[in-house]
PDB file of all heavy atoms in Angstrom:
ATOM      1  N   LEU A   1     -11.643 -27.514  -4.596  1.00  0.00           N
ATOM      2  CA  LEU A   1     -12.781 -28.003  -5.368  1.00  0.00           C
ATOM      3  C   LEU A   1     -13.364 -26.829  -6.165  1.00  0.00           C
ATOM      4  O   LEU A   1     -13.863 -25.870  -5.573  1.00  0.00           O
ATOM      5  CB  LEU A   1     -13.851 -28.571  -4.435  1.00  0.00           C
ATOM      6  CG  LEU A   1     -13.473 -29.811  -3.628  1.00  0.00           C
ATOM      7  CD1 LEU A   1     -14.600 -30.160  -2.665  1.00  0.00           C
ATOM      8  CD2 LEU A   1     -13.184 -30.982  -4.548  1.00  0.00           C
ATOM      9  N   ARG A   2     -13.276 -26.904  -7.473  1.00  0.00           N
ATOM     10  CA  ARG A   2     -13.846 -25.876  -8.330  1.00  0.00           C
ATOM     11  C   ARG A   2     -14.124 -26.474  -9.697  1.00  0.00           C
ATOM     12  O   ARG A   2     -13.396 -27.378 -10.141  1.00  0.00           O
ATOM     13  CB  ARG A   2     -12.891 -24.678  -8.446  1.00  0.00           C
ATOM     14  CG  ARG A   2     -13.615 -23.363  -8.653  1.00  0.00           C
ATOM     15  CD  ARG A   2     -12.758 -22.167  -8.392  1.00  0.00           C
ATOM     16  NE  ARG A   2     -11.720 -21.987  -9.386  1.00  0.00           N
ATOM     17  CZ  ARG A   2     -10.902 -20.932  -9.439  1.00  0.00           C
ATOM     18  NH1 ARG A   2     -11.006 -19.986  -8.515  1.00  0.00           N
ATOM     19  NH2 ARG A   2      -9.985 -20.825 -10.367  1.00  0.00           N
ATOM     20  N   GLU A   3     -15.141 -25.999 -10.365  1.00  0.00           N
ATOM     21  CA  GLU A   3     -15.545 -26.592 -11.630  1.00  0.00           C
ATOM     22  C   GLU A   3     -14.449 -26.525 -12.691  1.00  0.00           C
ATOM     23  O   GLU A   3     -14.325 -27.416 -13.527  1.00  0.00           O
ATOM     24  CB  GLU A   3     -16.823 -25.918 -12.152  1.00  0.00           C
ATOM     25  CG  GLU A   3     -18.064 -26.278 -11.340  1.00  0.00           C
ATOM     26  CD  GLU A   3     -19.329 -25.717 -11.966  1.00  0.00           C
ATOM     27  OE1 GLU A   3     -19.227 -25.089 -13.045  1.00  0.00           O
ATOM     28  OE2 GLU A   3     -20.416 -25.909 -11.381  1.00  0.00           O
ATOM     29  N   ASP A   4     -13.652 -25.467 -12.652  1.00  0.00           N
ATOM     30  CA  ASP A   4     -12.603 -25.318 -13.660  1.00  0.00           C
ATOM     31  C   ASP A   4     -11.275 -25.924 -13.222  1.00  0.00           C
ATOM     32  O   ASP A   4     -10.244 -25.717 -13.863  1.00  0.00           O
ATOM     33  CB  ASP A   4     -12.401 -23.849 -14.019  1.00  0.00           C
ATOM     34  CG  ASP A   4     -11.941 -23.020 -12.818  1.00  0.00           C
ATOM     35  OD1 ASP A   4     -12.073 -23.504 -11.680  1.00  0.00           O
ATOM     36  OD2 ASP A   4     -11.459 -21.889 -13.028  1.00  0.00           O
ATOM     37  N   ALA A   5     -11.279 -26.695 -12.112  1.00  0.00           N
ATOM     38  CA  ALA A   5     -10.043 -27.283 -11.610  1.00  0.00           C
ATOM     39  C   ALA A   5      -9.527 -28.369 -12.545  1.00  0.00           C
ATOM     40  O   ALA A   5     -10.295 -29.094 -13.184  1.00  0.00           O
ATOM     41  CB  ALA A   5     -10.264 -27.858 -10.213  1.00  0.00           C
ATOM     42  N   VAL A   6      -8.205 -28.492 -12.585  1.00  0.00           N
ATOM     43  CA  VAL A   6      -7.538 -29.536 -13.353  1.00  0.00           C
ATOM     44  C   VAL A   6      -7.337 -30.746 -12.448  1.00  0.00           C
ATOM     45  O   VAL A   6      -6.928 -30.603 -11.286  1.00  0.00           O
ATOM     46  CB  VAL A   6      -6.173 -29.038 -13.873  1.00  0.00           C
ATOM     47  CG1 VAL A   6      -5.428 -30.155 -14.600  1.00  0.00           C
ATOM     48  CG2 VAL A   6      -6.368 -27.830 -14.778  1.00  0.00           C
ATOM     49  N   SER A   7      -7.628 -31.922 -12.956  1.00  0.00           N
ATOM     50  CA  SER A   7      -7.376 -33.128 -12.173  1.00  0.00           C
ATOM     51  C   SER A   7      -5.885 -33.267 -11.895  1.00  0.00           C
ATOM     52  O   SER A   7      -5.048 -32.947 -12.747  1.00  0.00           O
ATOM     53  CB  SER A   7      -7.877 -34.358 -12.929  1.00  0.00           C
ATOM     54  OG  SER A   7      -7.446 -35.545 -12.278  1.00  0.00           O
ATOM     55  N   LEU A   8      -5.566 -33.737 -10.707  1.00  0.00           N
ATOM     56  CA  LEU A   8      -4.165 -33.951 -10.356  1.00  0.00           C
ATOM     57  C   LEU A   8      -3.490 -34.914 -11.337  1.00  0.00           C
ATOM     58  O   LEU A   8      -2.298 -34.793 -11.617  1.00  0.00           O
ATOM     59  CB  LEU A   8      -4.071 -34.500  -8.921  1.00  0.00           C
ATOM     60  CG  LEU A   8      -2.674 -34.670  -8.316  1.00  0.00           C
ATOM     61  CD1 LEU A   8      -1.925 -33.351  -8.266  1.00  0.00           C
ATOM     62  CD2 LEU A   8      -2.793 -35.264  -6.910  1.00  0.00           C
ATOM     63  N   ASP A   9      -4.280 -35.842 -11.892  1.00  0.00           N
ATOM     64  CA  ASP A   9      -3.737 -36.772 -12.888  1.00  0.00           C
ATOM     65  C   ASP A   9      -3.269 -36.047 -14.146  1.00  0.00           C
ATOM     66  O   ASP A   9      -2.328 -36.487 -14.817  1.00  0.00           O
ATOM     67  CB  ASP A   9      -4.806 -37.797 -13.291  1.00  0.00           C
ATOM     68  CG  ASP A   9      -5.080 -38.808 -12.194  1.00  0.00           C
ATOM     69  OD1 ASP A   9      -4.187 -39.000 -11.343  1.00  0.00           O
ATOM     70  OD2 ASP A   9      -6.179 -39.386 -12.184  1.00  0.00           O
ATOM     71  N   ASP A  10      -3.927 -34.933 -14.475  1.00  0.00           N
ATOM     72  CA  ASP A  10      -3.641 -34.217 -15.715  1.00  0.00           C
ATOM     73  C   ASP A  10      -2.775 -32.974 -15.512  1.00  0.00           C
ATOM     74  O   ASP A  10      -2.384 -32.330 -16.488  1.00  0.00           O
ATOM     75  CB  ASP A  10      -4.956 -33.788 -16.388  1.00  0.00           C
ATOM     76  CG  ASP A  10      -5.848 -34.980 -16.712  1.00  0.00           C
ATOM     77  OD1 ASP A  10      -5.295 -36.035 -17.085  1.00  0.00           O
ATOM     78  OD2 ASP A  10      -7.081 -34.851 -16.562  1.00  0.00           O
ATOM     79  N   PHE A  11      -2.515 -32.630 -14.282  1.00  0.00           N
ATOM     80  CA  PHE A  11      -1.747 -31.422 -13.984  1.00  0.00           C
ATOM     81  C   PHE A  11      -0.311 -31.575 -14.466  1.00  0.00           C
ATOM     82  O   PHE A  11       0.356 -32.565 -14.192  1.00  0.00           O
ATOM     83  CB  PHE A  11      -1.772 -31.151 -12.481  1.00  0.00           C
ATOM     84  CG  PHE A  11      -0.945 -29.982 -12.037  1.00  0.00           C
ATOM     85  CD1 PHE A  11      -1.101 -28.735 -12.624  1.00  0.00           C
ATOM     86  CD2 PHE A  11      -0.005 -30.135 -11.027  1.00  0.00           C
ATOM     87  CE1 PHE A  11      -0.342 -27.650 -12.207  1.00  0.00           C
ATOM     88  CE2 PHE A  11       0.753 -29.071 -10.599  1.00  0.00           C
ATOM     89  CZ  PHE A  11       0.592 -27.816 -11.186  1.00  0.00           C
ATOM     90  N   GLU A  12       0.176 -30.590 -15.190  1.00  0.00           N
ATOM     91  CA  GLU A  12       1.549 -30.584 -15.681  1.00  0.00           C
ATOM     92  C   GLU A  12       2.347 -29.533 -14.918  1.00  0.00           C
ATOM     93  O   GLU A  12       2.293 -28.337 -15.242  1.00  0.00           O
ATOM     94  CB  GLU A  12       1.581 -30.310 -17.177  1.00  0.00           C
ATOM     95  CG  GLU A  12       0.885 -31.380 -18.008  1.00  0.00           C
ATOM     96  CD  GLU A  12       0.972 -31.132 -19.494  1.00  0.00           C
ATOM     97  OE1 GLU A  12       1.616 -30.125 -19.886  1.00  0.00           O
ATOM     98  OE2 GLU A  12       0.403 -31.913 -20.259  1.00  0.00           O
ATOM     99  N   PRO A  13       3.085 -29.950 -13.903  1.00  0.00           N
ATOM    100  CA  PRO A  13       3.791 -28.974 -13.066  1.00  0.00           C
ATOM    101  C   PRO A  13       4.993 -28.363 -13.770  1.00  0.00           C
ATOM    102  O   PRO A  13       5.644 -29.013 -14.598  1.00  0.00           O
ATOM    103  CB  PRO A  13       4.230 -29.809 -11.860  1.00  0.00           C
ATOM    104  CG  PRO A  13       4.364 -31.193 -12.399  1.00  0.00           C
ATOM    105  CD  PRO A  13       3.293 -31.331 -13.443  1.00  0.00           C
ATOM    106  N   ALA A  14       5.277 -27.127 -13.429  1.00  0.00           N
ATOM    107  CA  ALA A  14       6.496 -26.473 -13.886  1.00  0.00           C
ATOM    108  C   ALA A  14       7.669 -27.018 -13.077  1.00  0.00           C
ATOM    109  O   ALA A  14       7.500 -27.879 -12.208  1.00  0.00           O
ATOM    110  CB  ALA A  14       6.358 -24.963 -13.715  1.00  0.00           C
ATOM    111  N   SER A  15       8.844 -26.510 -13.336  1.00  0.00           N
ATOM    112  CA  SER A  15      10.027 -26.996 -12.623  1.00  0.00           C
ATOM    113  C   SER A  15      10.023 -26.594 -11.156  1.00  0.00           C
ATOM    114  O   SER A  15      10.665 -27.235 -10.324  1.00  0.00           O
ATOM    115  CB  SER A  15      11.297 -26.476 -13.294  1.00  0.00           C
ATOM    116  OG  SER A  15      11.298 -25.058 -13.313  1.00  0.00           O
ATOM    117  N   ARG A  16       9.287 -25.538 -10.831  1.00  0.00           N
ATOM    118  CA  ARG A  16       9.156 -25.102  -9.439  1.00  0.00           C
ATOM    119  C   ARG A  16       7.667 -24.870  -9.167  1.00  0.00           C
ATOM    120  O   ARG A  16       7.001 -24.147  -9.911  1.00  0.00           O
ATOM    121  CB  ARG A  16       9.951 -23.827  -9.165  1.00  0.00           C
ATOM    122  CG  ARG A  16      11.407 -23.891  -9.608  1.00  0.00           C
ATOM    123  CD  ARG A  16      12.166 -22.638  -9.204  1.00  0.00           C
ATOM    124  NE  ARG A  16      12.731 -22.777  -7.874  1.00  0.00           N
ATOM    125  CZ  ARG A  16      13.359 -21.795  -7.217  1.00  0.00           C
ATOM    126  NH1 ARG A  16      13.437 -20.586  -7.763  1.00  0.00           N
ATOM    127  NH2 ARG A  16      13.889 -21.990  -6.018  1.00  0.00           N
ATOM    128  N   VAL A  17       7.160 -25.486  -8.102  1.00  0.00           N
ATOM    129  CA  VAL A  17       5.729 -25.428  -7.807  1.00  0.00           C
ATOM    130  C   VAL A  17       5.506 -25.022  -6.354  1.00  0.00           C
ATOM    131  O   VAL A  17       6.176 -25.531  -5.445  1.00  0.00           O
ATOM    132  CB  VAL A  17       5.043 -26.791  -8.067  1.00  0.00           C
ATOM    133  CG1 VAL A  17       3.566 -26.736  -7.675  1.00  0.00           C
ATOM    134  CG2 VAL A  17       5.195 -27.194  -9.519  1.00  0.00           C
ATOM    135  N   ALA A  18       4.552 -24.117  -6.152  1.00  0.00           N
ATOM    136  CA  ALA A  18       4.068 -23.774  -4.816  1.00  0.00           C
ATOM    137  C   ALA A  18       2.639 -24.296  -4.701  1.00  0.00           C
ATOM    138  O   ALA A  18       1.752 -23.856  -5.439  1.00  0.00           O
ATOM    139  CB  ALA A  18       4.104 -22.268  -4.594  1.00  0.00           C
ATOM    140  N   LEU A  19       2.412 -25.254  -3.811  1.00  0.00           N
ATOM    141  CA  LEU A  19       1.109 -25.904  -3.649  1.00  0.00           C
ATOM    142  C   LEU A  19       0.359 -25.259  -2.493  1.00  0.00           C
ATOM    143  O   LEU A  19       0.801 -25.305  -1.348  1.00  0.00           O
ATOM    144  CB  LEU A  19       1.312 -27.392  -3.381  1.00  0.00           C
ATOM    145  CG  LEU A  19       0.050 -28.244  -3.214  1.00  0.00           C
ATOM    146  CD1 LEU A  19      -0.721 -28.328  -4.530  1.00  0.00           C
ATOM    147  CD2 LEU A  19       0.422 -29.647  -2.719  1.00  0.00           C
ATOM    148  N   LEU A  20      -0.787 -24.649  -2.773  1.00  0.00           N
ATOM    149  CA  LEU A  20      -1.585 -23.947  -1.768  1.00  0.00           C
ATOM    150  C   LEU A  20      -2.616 -24.879  -1.155  1.00  0.00           C
ATOM    151  O   LEU A  20      -3.379 -25.540  -1.866  1.00  0.00           O
ATOM    152  CB  LEU A  20      -2.315 -22.747  -2.396  1.00  0.00           C
ATOM    153  CG  LEU A  20      -1.571 -21.416  -2.483  1.00  0.00           C
ATOM    154  CD1 LEU A  20      -0.285 -21.551  -3.271  1.00  0.00           C
ATOM    155  CD2 LEU A  20      -2.471 -20.348  -3.088  1.00  0.00           C
ATOM    156  N   LEU A  21      -2.667 -24.907   0.179  1.00  0.00           N
ATOM    157  CA  LEU A  21      -3.638 -25.716   0.916  1.00  0.00           C
ATOM    158  C   LEU A  21      -4.405 -24.815   1.877  1.00  0.00           C
ATOM    159  O   LEU A  21      -3.802 -23.978   2.574  1.00  0.00           O
ATOM    160  CB  LEU A  21      -2.939 -26.818   1.714  1.00  0.00           C
ATOM    161  CG  LEU A  21      -2.077 -27.814   0.934  1.00  0.00           C
ATOM    162  CD1 LEU A  21      -1.337 -28.732   1.895  1.00  0.00           C
ATOM    163  CD2 LEU A  21      -2.935 -28.631  -0.011  1.00  0.00           C
ATOM    164  N   GLY A  22      -5.725 -25.028   1.957  1.00  0.00           N
ATOM    165  CA  GLY A  22      -6.556 -24.211   2.835  1.00  0.00           C
ATOM    166  C   GLY A  22      -7.121 -24.985   4.008  1.00  0.00           C
ATOM    167  O   GLY A  22      -6.930 -26.196   4.138  1.00  0.00           O
ATOM    168  N   ALA A  23      -7.833 -24.280   4.853  1.00  0.00           N
ATOM    169  CA  ALA A  23      -8.365 -24.851   6.088  1.00  0.00           C
ATOM    170  C   ALA A  23      -9.469 -25.859   5.818  1.00  0.00           C
ATOM    171  O   ALA A  23     -10.101 -25.853   4.760  1.00  0.00           O
ATOM    172  CB  ALA A  23      -8.899 -23.732   6.981  1.00  0.00           C
ATOM    173  N   GLU A  24      -9.699 -26.738   6.802  1.00  0.00           N
ATOM    174  CA  GLU A  24     -10.814 -27.674   6.730  1.00  0.00           C
ATOM    175  C   GLU A  24     -12.125 -26.895   6.629  1.00  0.00           C
ATOM    176  O   GLU A  24     -12.287 -25.837   7.230  1.00  0.00           O
ATOM    177  CB  GLU A  24     -10.856 -28.539   7.993  1.00  0.00           C
ATOM    178  CG  GLU A  24      -9.675 -29.469   8.147  1.00  0.00           C
ATOM    179  CD  GLU A  24      -9.773 -30.678   7.241  1.00  0.00           C
ATOM    180  OE1 GLU A  24     -10.810 -30.831   6.550  1.00  0.00           O
ATOM    181  OE2 GLU A  24      -8.829 -31.467   7.211  1.00  0.00           O
ATOM    182  N   GLY A  25     -13.061 -27.404   5.876  1.00  0.00           N
ATOM    183  CA  GLY A  25     -14.363 -26.767   5.776  1.00  0.00           C
ATOM    184  C   GLY A  25     -14.390 -25.675   4.728  1.00  0.00           C
ATOM    185  O   GLY A  25     -14.854 -25.883   3.603  1.00  0.00           O
ATOM    186  N   ASP A  26     -13.864 -24.514   5.062  1.00  0.00           N
ATOM    187  CA  ASP A  26     -13.934 -23.367   4.159  1.00  0.00           C
ATOM    188  C   ASP A  26     -12.942 -23.447   3.003  1.00  0.00           C
ATOM    189  O   ASP A  26     -13.161 -22.860   1.953  1.00  0.00           O
ATOM    190  CB  ASP A  26     -13.695 -22.069   4.929  1.00  0.00           C
ATOM    191  CG  ASP A  26     -14.806 -21.769   5.914  1.00  0.00           C
ATOM    192  OD1 ASP A  26     -15.923 -22.272   5.705  1.00  0.00           O
ATOM    193  OD2 ASP A  26     -14.554 -21.052   6.883  1.00  0.00           O
ATOM    194  N   GLY A  27     -11.846 -24.160   3.189  1.00  0.00           N
ATOM    195  CA  GLY A  27     -10.846 -24.244   2.140  1.00  0.00           C
ATOM    196  C   GLY A  27     -10.105 -22.935   1.954  1.00  0.00           C
ATOM    197  O   GLY A  27     -10.072 -22.083   2.849  1.00  0.00           O
ATOM    198  N   LEU A  28      -9.506 -22.747   0.797  1.00  0.00           N
ATOM    199  CA  LEU A  28      -8.750 -21.533   0.510  1.00  0.00           C
ATOM    200  C   LEU A  28      -9.678 -20.329   0.380  1.00  0.00           C
ATOM    201  O   LEU A  28     -10.791 -20.437  -0.140  1.00  0.00           O
ATOM    202  CB  LEU A  28      -7.952 -21.709  -0.781  1.00  0.00           C
ATOM    203  CG  LEU A  28      -6.777 -22.683  -0.711  1.00  0.00           C
ATOM    204  CD1 LEU A  28      -6.330 -23.087  -2.117  1.00  0.00           C
ATOM    205  CD2 LEU A  28      -5.608 -22.083   0.067  1.00  0.00           C
ATOM    206  N   THR A  29      -9.212 -19.181   0.818  1.00  0.00           N
ATOM    207  CA  THR A  29      -9.984 -17.954   0.691  1.00  0.00           C
ATOM    208  C   THR A  29      -9.984 -17.482  -0.764  1.00  0.00           C
ATOM    209  O   THR A  29      -9.114 -17.868  -1.555  1.00  0.00           O
ATOM    210  CB  THR A  29      -9.389 -16.840   1.567  1.00  0.00           C
ATOM    211  OG1 THR A  29      -8.067 -16.523   1.087  1.00  0.00           O
ATOM    212  CG2 THR A  29      -9.323 -17.266   3.029  1.00  0.00           C
ATOM    213  N   PRO A  30     -10.949 -16.646  -1.143  1.00  0.00           N
ATOM    214  CA  PRO A  30     -10.952 -16.093  -2.502  1.00  0.00           C
ATOM    215  C   PRO A  30      -9.648 -15.386  -2.856  1.00  0.00           C
ATOM    216  O   PRO A  30      -9.188 -15.459  -4.002  1.00  0.00           O
ATOM    217  CB  PRO A  30     -12.138 -15.126  -2.472  1.00  0.00           C
ATOM    218  CG  PRO A  30     -13.061 -15.701  -1.445  1.00  0.00           C
ATOM    219  CD  PRO A  30     -12.158 -16.256  -0.383  1.00  0.00           C
ATOM    220  N   LYS A  31      -9.045 -14.716  -1.898  1.00  0.00           N
ATOM    221  CA  LYS A  31      -7.779 -14.023  -2.145  1.00  0.00           C
ATOM    222  C   LYS A  31      -6.688 -15.009  -2.506  1.00  0.00           C
ATOM    223  O   LYS A  31      -5.896 -14.773  -3.435  1.00  0.00           O
ATOM    224  CB  LYS A  31      -7.381 -13.223  -0.900  1.00  0.00           C
ATOM    225  CG  LYS A  31      -6.166 -12.330  -1.098  1.00  0.00           C
ATOM    226  CD  LYS A  31      -6.476 -11.145  -1.966  1.00  0.00           C
ATOM    227  CE  LYS A  31      -5.333 -10.160  -2.002  1.00  0.00           C
ATOM    228  NZ  LYS A  31      -5.603  -9.000  -2.881  1.00  0.00           N
ATOM    229  N   ALA A  32      -6.612 -16.123  -1.787  1.00  0.00           N
ATOM    230  CA  ALA A  32      -5.601 -17.133  -2.088  1.00  0.00           C
ATOM    231  C   ALA A  32      -5.856 -17.769  -3.447  1.00  0.00           C
ATOM    232  O   ALA A  32      -4.929 -17.983  -4.237  1.00  0.00           O
ATOM    233  CB  ALA A  32      -5.583 -18.195  -0.998  1.00  0.00           C
ATOM    234  N   LEU A  33      -7.123 -18.079  -3.732  1.00  0.00           N
ATOM    235  CA  LEU A  33      -7.453 -18.681  -5.027  1.00  0.00           C
ATOM    236  C   LEU A  33      -7.125 -17.741  -6.179  1.00  0.00           C
ATOM    237  O   LEU A  33      -6.678 -18.174  -7.244  1.00  0.00           O
ATOM    238  CB  LEU A  33      -8.932 -19.059  -5.065  1.00  0.00           C
ATOM    239  CG  LEU A  33      -9.328 -20.299  -4.246  1.00  0.00           C
ATOM    240  CD1 LEU A  33     -10.835 -20.425  -4.160  1.00  0.00           C
ATOM    241  CD2 LEU A  33      -8.719 -21.554  -4.864  1.00  0.00           C
ATOM    242  N   ALA A  34      -7.314 -16.443  -5.956  1.00  0.00           N
ATOM    243  CA  ALA A  34      -6.986 -15.467  -7.000  1.00  0.00           C
ATOM    244  C   ALA A  34      -5.483 -15.381  -7.228  1.00  0.00           C
ATOM    245  O   ALA A  34      -5.032 -14.964  -8.298  1.00  0.00           O
ATOM    246  CB  ALA A  34      -7.541 -14.097  -6.613  1.00  0.00           C
ATOM    247  N   THR A  35      -4.711 -15.788  -6.243  1.00  0.00           N
ATOM    248  CA  THR A  35      -3.255 -15.777  -6.371  1.00  0.00           C
ATOM    249  C   THR A  35      -2.759 -16.912  -7.262  1.00  0.00           C
ATOM    250  O   THR A  35      -1.704 -16.811  -7.885  1.00  0.00           O
ATOM    251  CB  THR A  35      -2.619 -15.913  -4.961  1.00  0.00           C
ATOM    252  OG1 THR A  35      -3.035 -14.819  -4.156  1.00  0.00           O
ATOM    253  CG2 THR A  35      -1.109 -15.941  -5.019  1.00  0.00           C
ATOM    254  N   ALA A  36      -3.542 -17.983  -7.340  1.00  0.00           N
ATOM    255  CA  ALA A  36      -3.089 -19.196  -8.024  1.00  0.00           C
ATOM    256  C   ALA A  36      -3.060 -19.049  -9.537  1.00  0.00           C
ATOM    257  O   ALA A  36      -3.896 -18.374 -10.130  1.00  0.00           O
ATOM    258  CB  ALA A  36      -3.993 -20.363  -7.636  1.00  0.00           C
ATOM    259  N   ASP A  37      -2.098 -19.714 -10.143  1.00  0.00           N
ATOM    260  CA  ASP A  37      -2.044 -19.812 -11.606  1.00  0.00           C
ATOM    261  C   ASP A  37      -2.943 -20.933 -12.096  1.00  0.00           C
ATOM    262  O   ASP A  37      -3.478 -20.877 -13.201  1.00  0.00           O
ATOM    263  CB  ASP A  37      -0.607 -20.100 -12.053  1.00  0.00           C
ATOM    264  CG  ASP A  37       0.371 -19.049 -11.575  1.00  0.00           C
ATOM    265  OD1 ASP A  37       0.114 -17.861 -11.814  1.00  0.00           O
ATOM    266  OD2 ASP A  37       1.387 -19.419 -10.954  1.00  0.00           O
ATOM    267  N   THR A  38      -3.095 -21.979 -11.266  1.00  0.00           N
ATOM    268  CA  THR A  38      -3.877 -23.156 -11.619  1.00  0.00           C
ATOM    269  C   THR A  38      -4.592 -23.672 -10.386  1.00  0.00           C
ATOM    270  O   THR A  38      -4.036 -23.631  -9.284  1.00  0.00           O
ATOM    271  CB  THR A  38      -2.967 -24.281 -12.170  1.00  0.00           C
ATOM    272  OG1 THR A  38      -2.149 -23.771 -13.218  1.00  0.00           O
ATOM    273  CG2 THR A  38      -3.788 -25.452 -12.685  1.00  0.00           C
ATOM    274  N   VAL A  39      -5.820 -24.151 -10.556  1.00  0.00           N
ATOM    275  CA  VAL A  39      -6.530 -24.828  -9.469  1.00  0.00           C
ATOM    276  C   VAL A  39      -6.533 -26.316  -9.791  1.00  0.00           C
ATOM    277  O   VAL A  39      -6.877 -26.721 -10.902  1.00  0.00           O
ATOM    278  CB  VAL A  39      -7.968 -24.305  -9.318  1.00  0.00           C
ATOM    279  CG1 VAL A  39      -8.700 -25.087  -8.226  1.00  0.00           C
ATOM    280  CG2 VAL A  39      -7.959 -22.818  -8.988  1.00  0.00           C
ATOM    281  N   VAL A  40      -6.118 -27.124  -8.824  1.00  0.00           N
ATOM    282  CA  VAL A  40      -5.966 -28.562  -9.011  1.00  0.00           C
ATOM    283  C   VAL A  40      -6.853 -29.292  -8.017  1.00  0.00           C
ATOM    284  O   VAL A  40      -7.016 -28.849  -6.877  1.00  0.00           O
ATOM    285  CB  VAL A  40      -4.496 -28.987  -8.806  1.00  0.00           C
ATOM    286  CG1 VAL A  40      -4.327 -30.488  -9.026  1.00  0.00           C
ATOM    287  CG2 VAL A  40      -3.577 -28.209  -9.739  1.00  0.00           C
ATOM    288  N   THR A  41      -7.427 -30.398  -8.445  1.00  0.00           N
ATOM    289  CA  THR A  41      -8.256 -31.199  -7.547  1.00  0.00           C
ATOM    290  C   THR A  41      -7.830 -32.659  -7.602  1.00  0.00           C
ATOM    291  O   THR A  41      -7.326 -33.132  -8.626  1.00  0.00           O
ATOM    292  CB  THR A  41      -9.753 -31.076  -7.914  1.00  0.00           C
ATOM    293  OG1 THR A  41     -10.539 -31.692  -6.891  1.00  0.00           O
ATOM    294  CG2 THR A  41     -10.058 -31.737  -9.251  1.00  0.00           C
ATOM    295  N   ILE A  42      -8.008 -33.357  -6.506  1.00  0.00           N
ATOM    296  CA  ILE A  42      -7.691 -34.784  -6.442  1.00  0.00           C
ATOM    297  C   ILE A  42      -8.902 -35.573  -6.932  1.00  0.00           C
ATOM    298  O   ILE A  42     -10.003 -35.406  -6.389  1.00  0.00           O
ATOM    299  CB  ILE A  42      -7.343 -35.196  -5.005  1.00  0.00           C
ATOM    300  CG1 ILE A  42      -6.078 -34.472  -4.529  1.00  0.00           C
ATOM    301  CG2 ILE A  42      -7.144 -36.716  -4.904  1.00  0.00           C
ATOM    302  CD1 ILE A  42      -5.779 -34.672  -3.059  1.00  0.00           C
ATOM    303  N   PRO A  43      -8.765 -36.412  -7.955  1.00  0.00           N
ATOM    304  CA  PRO A  43      -9.907 -37.206  -8.420  1.00  0.00           C
ATOM    305  C   PRO A  43     -10.344 -38.185  -7.328  1.00  0.00           C
ATOM    306  O   PRO A  43      -9.526 -38.869  -6.736  1.00  0.00           O
ATOM    307  CB  PRO A  43      -9.358 -37.931  -9.652  1.00  0.00           C
ATOM    308  CG  PRO A  43      -7.873 -37.926  -9.486  1.00  0.00           C
ATOM    309  CD  PRO A  43      -7.533 -36.678  -8.731  1.00  0.00           C
ATOM    310  N   MET A  44     -11.651 -38.219  -7.058  1.00  0.00           N
ATOM    311  CA  MET A  44     -12.184 -39.016  -5.959  1.00  0.00           C
ATOM    312  C   MET A  44     -13.203 -40.018  -6.473  1.00  0.00           C
ATOM    313  O   MET A  44     -13.694 -39.918  -7.604  1.00  0.00           O
ATOM    314  CB  MET A  44     -12.845 -38.092  -4.924  1.00  0.00           C
ATOM    315  CG  MET A  44     -11.951 -36.987  -4.369  1.00  0.00           C
ATOM    316  SD  MET A  44     -10.613 -37.602  -3.326  1.00  0.00           S
ATOM    317  CE  MET A  44     -11.555 -38.209  -1.931  1.00  0.00           C
TER     318      MET A  44
END
C-alpha cells in the first residue's frame, strides 16, 4: 500500500517478474521496498 503504487489492473509485467510480499501488519520493510522497480497494489 503506497500512494505511488500502480493498480494490479494497470500493471504491465515484464517477461520475468519477482513479486515481493511482506509480513502481516508491517508489510515490506523499507529496504525491500527500495529494492523494487515497481510498487503494485490490489484494487479494493
